Amino acid sequence: MKDRINPCIHYICKGEDCRKGFVKVDLKKCKNCPKYEPRRSAKKAESVKVRRQKDRDRHDNWRE
């Protein structure tokens, strides 16, 4: 089973009803929900391939 670190997008706060209709939800119950959709976390880092391609493009445009 995948570890779910972030709360669901439908989770409001502990003890409140979530927007999916579940009553008195806590973070543990939310993470085990079949309708779980994680919140967006930090921006993903660029891959090495993409960074190198940007460097190549920048170098090629230098002469123009």
PDB file of N, CA and C in Angstrom:
ATOM      1  N   MET A   1       0.837  -1.186   0.000  1.00  0.00           N
ATOM      2  CA  MET A   1       0.000   0.000   0.000  1.00  0.00           C
ATOM      3  C   MET A   1       0.879   1.246   0.000  1.00  0.00           C
ATOM      4  N   LYS A   2       0.501   2.240  -0.780  1.00  0.00           N
ATOM      5  CA  LYS A   2       1.268   3.466  -0.904  1.00  0.00           C
ATOM      6  C   LYS A   2       1.074   4.362   0.323  1.00  0.00           C
ATOM      7  N   ASP A   3       2.172   4.965   0.775  1.00  0.00           N
ATOM      8  CA  ASP A   3       2.111   5.866   1.918  1.00  0.00           C
ATOM      9  C   ASP A   3       1.518   7.199   1.477  1.00  0.00           C
ATOM     10  N   ARG A   4       0.458   7.617   2.112  1.00  0.00           N
ATOM     11  CA  ARG A   4      -0.221   8.865   1.765  1.00  0.00           C
ATOM     12  C   ARG A   4       0.130   9.915   2.803  1.00  0.00           C
ATOM     13  N   ILE A   5       1.026  10.819   2.453  1.00  0.00           N
ATOM     14  CA  ILE A   5       1.518  11.820   3.387  1.00  0.00           C
ATOM     15  C   ILE A   5       0.592  13.030   3.439  1.00  0.00           C
ATOM     16  N   ASN A   6       0.156  13.517   2.291  1.00  0.00           N
ATOM     17  CA  ASN A   6      -0.679  14.715   2.224  1.00  0.00           C
ATOM     18  C   ASN A   6      -2.138  14.395   2.492  1.00  0.00           C
ATOM     19  N   PRO A   7      -2.871  15.321   3.108  1.00  0.00           N
ATOM     20  CA  PRO A   7      -4.303  15.104   3.291  1.00  0.00           C
ATOM     21  C   PRO A   7      -5.038  15.210   1.956  1.00  0.00           C
ATOM     22  N   CYS A   8      -6.237  14.724   1.924  1.00  0.00           N
ATOM     23  CA  CYS A   8      -7.080  14.744   0.723  1.00  0.00           C
ATOM     24  C   CYS A   8      -7.534  16.176   0.420  1.00  0.00           C
ATOM     25  N   ILE A   9      -7.851  16.453  -0.830  1.00  0.00           N
ATOM     26  CA  ILE A   9      -8.333  17.787  -1.197  1.00  0.00           C
ATOM     27  C   ILE A   9      -9.709  18.064  -0.598  1.00  0.00           C
ATOM     28  N   HIS A  10     -10.435  17.033  -0.222  1.00  0.00           N
ATOM     29  CA  HIS A  10     -11.776  17.184   0.349  1.00  0.00           C
ATOM     30  C   HIS A  10     -11.750  17.313   1.876  1.00  0.00           C
ATOM     31  N   TYR A  11     -10.583  17.084   2.499  1.00  0.00           N
ATOM     32  CA  TYR A  11     -10.430  17.147   3.953  1.00  0.00           C
ATOM     33  C   TYR A  11     -10.454  18.602   4.411  1.00  0.00           C
ATOM     34  N   ILE A  12     -11.272  18.915   5.435  1.00  0.00           N
ATOM     35  CA  ILE A  12     -11.365  20.284   5.936  1.00  0.00           C
ATOM     36  C   ILE A  12     -10.536  20.421   7.215  1.00  0.00           C
ATOM     37  N   CYS A  13     -10.928  19.763   8.290  1.00  0.00           N
ATOM     38  CA  CYS A  13     -10.137  19.745   9.512  1.00  0.00           C
ATOM     39  C   CYS A  13     -10.632  18.589  10.384  1.00  0.00           C
ATOM     40  N   LYS A  14      -9.866  18.251  11.398  1.00  0.00           N
ATOM     41  CA  LYS A  14     -10.172  17.105  12.255  1.00  0.00           C
ATOM     42  C   LYS A  14     -11.518  17.280  12.952  1.00  0.00           C
ATOM     43  N   GLY A  15     -12.336  16.245  12.885  1.00  0.00           N
ATOM     44  CA  GLY A  15     -13.634  16.266  13.550  1.00  0.00           C
ATOM     45  C   GLY A  15     -14.757  16.854  12.723  1.00  0.00           C
ATOM     46  N   GLU A  16     -14.450  17.494  11.619  1.00  0.00           N
ATOM     47  CA  GLU A  16     -15.474  18.072  10.746  1.00  0.00           C
ATOM     48  C   GLU A  16     -15.880  17.065   9.674  1.00  0.00           C
ATOM     49  N   ASP A  17     -17.028  17.305   9.050  1.00  0.00           N
ATOM     50  CA  ASP A  17     -17.459  16.484   7.927  1.00  0.00           C
ATOM     51  C   ASP A  17     -16.643  16.872   6.697  1.00  0.00           C
ATOM     52  N   CYS A  18     -16.212  15.880   5.924  1.00  0.00           N
ATOM     53  CA  CYS A  18     -15.461  16.213   4.713  1.00  0.00           C
ATOM     54  C   CYS A  18     -16.445  16.504   3.582  1.00  0.00           C
ATOM     55  N   ARG A  19     -15.928  17.057   2.499  1.00  0.00           N
ATOM     56  CA  ARG A  19     -16.788  17.454   1.387  1.00  0.00           C
ATOM     57  C   ARG A  19     -17.319  16.266   0.594  1.00  0.00           C
ATOM     58  N   LYS A  20     -16.862  15.059   0.918  1.00  0.00           N
ATOM     59  CA  LYS A  20     -17.368  13.856   0.251  1.00  0.00           C
ATOM     60  C   LYS A  20     -18.575  13.282   0.981  1.00  0.00           C
ATOM     61  N   GLY A  21     -18.885  13.846   2.155  1.00  0.00           N
ATOM     62  CA  GLY A  21     -20.066  13.416   2.882  1.00  0.00           C
ATOM     63  C   GLY A  21     -19.774  12.535   4.083  1.00  0.00           C
ATOM     64  N   PHE A  22     -18.508  12.232   4.365  1.00  0.00           N
ATOM     65  CA  PHE A  22     -18.180  11.424   5.527  1.00  0.00           C
ATOM     66  C   PHE A  22     -18.248  12.279   6.781  1.00  0.00           C
ATOM     67  N   VAL A  23     -18.731  11.685   7.887  1.00  0.00           N
ATOM     68  CA  VAL A  23     -18.959  12.423   9.129  1.00  0.00           C
ATOM     69  C   VAL A  23     -17.776  12.249  10.075  1.00  0.00           C
ATOM     70  N   LYS A  24     -17.388  13.343  10.751  1.00  0.00           N
ATOM     71  CA  LYS A  24     -16.327  13.360  11.756  1.00  0.00           C
ATOM     72  C   LYS A  24     -15.060  12.666  11.267  1.00  0.00           C
ATOM     73  N   VAL A  25     -14.468  13.216  10.250  1.00  0.00           N
ATOM     74  CA  VAL A  25     -13.282  12.635   9.634  1.00  0.00           C
ATOM     75  C   VAL A  25     -12.025  13.136  10.341  1.00  0.00           C
ATOM     76  N   ASP A  26     -11.075  12.218  10.611  1.00  0.00           N
ATOM     77  CA  ASP A  26      -9.748  12.633  11.043  1.00  0.00           C
ATOM     78  C   ASP A  26      -8.769  12.286   9.930  1.00  0.00           C
ATOM     79  N   LEU A  27      -7.546  12.758  10.044  1.00  0.00           N
ATOM     80  CA  LEU A  27      -6.571  12.609   8.970  1.00  0.00           C
ATOM     81  C   LEU A  27      -6.288  11.143   8.652  1.00  0.00           C
ATOM     82  N   LYS A  28      -6.282  10.285   9.661  1.00  0.00           N
ATOM     83  CA  LYS A  28      -6.019   8.853   9.456  1.00  0.00           C
ATOM     84  C   LYS A  28      -7.120   8.218   8.611  1.00  0.00           C
ATOM     85  N   LYS A  29      -8.361   8.535   8.912  1.00  0.00           N
ATOM     86  CA  LYS A  29      -9.486   7.989   8.155  1.00  0.00           C
ATOM     87  C   LYS A  29      -9.482   8.514   6.721  1.00  0.00           C
ATOM     88  N   CYS A  30      -9.120   9.785   6.564  1.00  0.00           N
ATOM     89  CA  CYS A  30      -9.100  10.420   5.250  1.00  0.00           C
ATOM     90  C   CYS A  30      -8.076   9.749   4.341  1.00  0.00           C
ATOM     91  N   LYS A  31      -6.915   9.418   4.884  1.00  0.00           N
ATOM     92  CA  LYS A  31      -5.856   8.820   4.077  1.00  0.00           C
ATOM     93  C   LYS A  31      -6.157   7.391   3.663  1.00  0.00           C
ATOM     94  N   ASN A  32      -7.076   6.728   4.348  1.00  0.00           N
ATOM     95  CA  ASN A  32      -7.453   5.366   4.004  1.00  0.00           C
ATOM     96  C   ASN A  32      -8.736   5.306   3.187  1.00  0.00           C
ATOM     97  N   CYS A  33      -9.240   6.444   2.785  1.00  0.00           N
ATOM     98  CA  CYS A  33     -10.482   6.544   2.032  1.00  0.00           C
ATOM     99  C   CYS A  33     -10.271   6.078   0.583  1.00  0.00           C
ATOM    100  N   PRO A  34     -11.236   5.362   0.002  1.00  0.00           N
ATOM    101  CA  PRO A  34     -11.093   4.951  -1.403  1.00  0.00           C
ATOM    102  C   PRO A  34     -11.215   6.116  -2.387  1.00  0.00           C
ATOM    103  N   LYS A  35     -11.785   7.247  -1.956  1.00  0.00           N
ATOM    104  CA  LYS A  35     -11.939   8.419  -2.821  1.00  0.00           C
ATOM    105  C   LYS A  35     -10.819   9.430  -2.617  1.00  0.00           C
ATOM    106  N   TYR A  36      -9.710   9.003  -2.012  1.00  0.00           N
ATOM    107  CA  TYR A  36      -8.584   9.883  -1.676  1.00  0.00           C
ATOM    108  C   TYR A  36      -7.988  10.536  -2.912  1.00  0.00           C
ATOM    109  N   GLU A  37      -7.849  11.866  -2.875  1.00  0.00           N
ATOM    110  CA  GLU A  37      -7.150  12.638  -3.902  1.00  0.00           C
ATOM    111  C   GLU A  37      -6.186  13.555  -3.169  1.00  0.00           C
ATOM    112  N   PRO A  38      -4.879  13.365  -3.322  1.00  0.00           N
ATOM    113  CA  PRO A  38      -3.932  14.165  -2.540  1.00  0.00           C
ATOM    114  C   PRO A  38      -3.927  15.626  -2.946  1.00  0.00           C
ATOM    115  N   ARG A  39      -3.583  16.477  -1.993  1.00  0.00           N
ATOM    116  CA  ARG A  39      -3.408  17.891  -2.290  1.00  0.00           C
ATOM    117  C   ARG A  39      -2.107  18.064  -3.051  1.00  0.00           C
ATOM    118  N   ARG A  40      -2.030  19.101  -3.830  1.00  0.00           N
ATOM    119  CA  ARG A  40      -0.821  19.352  -4.587  1.00  0.00           C
ATOM    120  C   ARG A  40       0.282  19.783  -3.625  1.00  0.00           C
ATOM    121  N   SER A  41       1.414  19.145  -3.754  1.00  0.00           N
ATOM    122  CA  SER A  41       2.536  19.494  -2.884  1.00  0.00           C
ATOM    123  C   SER A  41       3.518  20.376  -3.649  1.00  0.00           C
ATOM    124  N   ALA A  42       4.717  20.380  -3.235  1.00  0.00           N
ATOM    125  CA  ALA A  42       5.730  21.255  -3.828  1.00  0.00           C
ATOM    126  C   ALA A  42       5.938  20.965  -5.318  1.00  0.00           C
ATOM    127  N   LYS A  43       6.473  21.956  -5.983  1.00  0.00           N
ATOM    128  CA  LYS A  43       6.738  21.842  -7.410  1.00  0.00           C
ATOM    129  C   LYS A  43       7.798  20.772  -7.656  1.00  0.00           C
ATOM    130  N   LYS A  44       7.596  19.940  -8.662  1.00  0.00           N
ATOM    131  CA  LYS A  44       8.530  18.871  -8.963  1.00  0.00           C
ATOM    132  C   LYS A  44       9.811  19.447  -9.567  1.00  0.00           C
ATOM    133  N   ALA A  45      10.923  18.857  -9.188  1.00  0.00           N
ATOM    134  CA  ALA A  45      12.222  19.316  -9.685  1.00  0.00           C
ATOM    135  C   ALA A  45      12.393  18.912 -11.147  1.00  0.00           C
ATOM    136  N   GLU A  46      13.132  19.725 -11.871  1.00  0.00           N
ATOM    137  CA  GLU A  46      13.386  19.422 -13.278  1.00  0.00           C
ATOM    138  C   GLU A  46      14.318  18.225 -13.380  1.00  0.00           C
ATOM    139  N   SER A  47      14.111  17.410 -14.382  1.00  0.00           N
ATOM    140  CA  SER A  47      15.001  16.281 -14.594  1.00  0.00           C
ATOM    141  C   SER A  47      16.309  16.775 -15.204  1.00  0.00           C
ATOM    142  N   VAL A  48      17.328  15.959 -15.096  1.00  0.00           N
ATOM    143  CA  VAL A  48      18.637  16.315 -15.638  1.00  0.00           C
ATOM    144  C   VAL A  48      18.552  16.483 -17.150  1.00  0.00           C
ATOM    145  N   LYS A  49      17.772  15.643 -17.788  1.00  0.00           N
ATOM    146  CA  LYS A  49      17.624  15.710 -19.246  1.00  0.00           C
ATOM    147  C   LYS A  49      17.067  17.071 -19.673  1.00  0.00           C
ATOM    148  N   VAL A  50      16.070  17.555 -18.985  1.00  0.00           N
ATOM    149  CA  VAL A  50      15.454  18.839 -19.320  1.00  0.00           C
ATOM    150  C   VAL A  50      16.434  19.986 -19.080  1.00  0.00           C
ATOM    151  N   ARG A  51      17.157  19.944 -17.960  1.00  0.00           N
ATOM    152  CA  ARG A  51      18.129  21.001 -17.658  1.00  0.00           C
ATOM    153  C   ARG A  51      19.235  21.059 -18.712  1.00  0.00           C
ATOM    154  N   ARG A  52      19.715  19.909 -19.116  1.00  0.00           N
ATOM    155  CA  ARG A  52      20.776  19.887 -20.133  1.00  0.00           C
ATOM    156  C   ARG A  52      20.277  20.410 -21.469  1.00  0.00           C
ATOM    157  N   GLN A  53      19.035  20.078 -21.814  1.00  0.00           N
ATOM    158  CA  GLN A  53      18.476  20.571 -23.074  1.00  0.00           C
ATOM    159  C   GLN A  53      18.343  22.092 -23.038  1.00  0.00           C
ATOM    160  N   LYS A  54      17.945  22.647 -21.914  1.00  0.00           N
ATOM    161  CA  LYS A  54      17.852  24.102 -21.775  1.00  0.00           C
ATOM    162  C   LYS A  54      19.223  24.747 -21.938  1.00  0.00           C
ATOM    163  N   ASP A  55      20.249  24.131 -21.340  1.00  0.00           N
ATOM    164  CA  ASP A  55      21.609  24.657 -21.485  1.00  0.00           C
ATOM    165  C   ASP A  55      22.057  24.620 -22.940  1.00  0.00           C
ATOM    166  N   ARG A  56      21.757  23.540 -23.637  1.00  0.00           N
ATOM    167  CA  ARG A  56      22.119  23.434 -25.060  1.00  0.00           C
ATOM    168  C   ARG A  56      21.407  24.513 -25.875  1.00  0.00           C
ATOM    169  N   ASP A  57      20.127  24.691 -25.623  1.00  0.00           N
ATOM    170  CA  ASP A  57      19.356  25.703 -26.351  1.00  0.00           C
ATOM    171  C   ASP A  57      19.899  27.109 -26.077  1.00  0.00           C
ATOM    172  N   ARG A  58      20.235  27.371 -24.839  1.00  0.00           N
ATOM    173  CA  ARG A  58      20.767  28.669 -24.470  1.00  0.00           C
ATOM    174  C   ARG A  58      22.111  28.913 -25.155  1.00  0.00           C
ATOM    175  N   HIS A  59      22.935  27.893 -25.235  1.00  0.00           N
ATOM    176  CA  HIS A  59      24.250  28.003 -25.871  1.00  0.00           C
ATOM    177  C   HIS A  59      24.110  28.208 -27.387  1.00  0.00           C
ATOM    178  N   ASP A  60      23.177  27.501 -27.992  1.00  0.00           N
ATOM    179  CA  ASP A  60      22.959  27.626 -29.439  1.00  0.00           C
ATOM    180  C   ASP A  60      22.457  29.020 -29.796  1.00  0.00           C
ATOM    181  N   ASN A  61      21.646  29.623 -28.955  1.00  0.00           N
ATOM    182  CA  ASN A  61      21.092  30.947 -29.232  1.00  0.00           C
ATOM    183  C   ASN A  61      22.076  32.072 -28.937  1.00  0.00           C
ATOM    184  N   TRP A  62      23.178  31.772 -28.294  1.00  0.00           N
ATOM    185  CA  TRP A  62      24.175  32.770 -27.920  1.00  0.00           C
ATOM    186  C   TRP A  62      24.814  33.411 -29.152  1.00  0.00           C
ATOM    187  N   ARG A  63      25.026  32.633 -30.189  1.00  0.00           N
ATOM    188  CA  ARG A  63      25.708  33.117 -31.379  1.00  0.00           C
ATOM    189  C   ARG A  63      24.833  34.006 -32.260  1.00  0.00           C
ATOM    190  N   GLU A  64      23.558  33.941 -32.104  1.00  0.00           N
ATOM    191  CA  GLU A  64      22.643  34.697 -32.977  1.00  0.00           C
ATOM    192  C   GLU A  64      22.585  36.152 -32.639  1.00  0.00           C
TER     193      GLU A  64
END
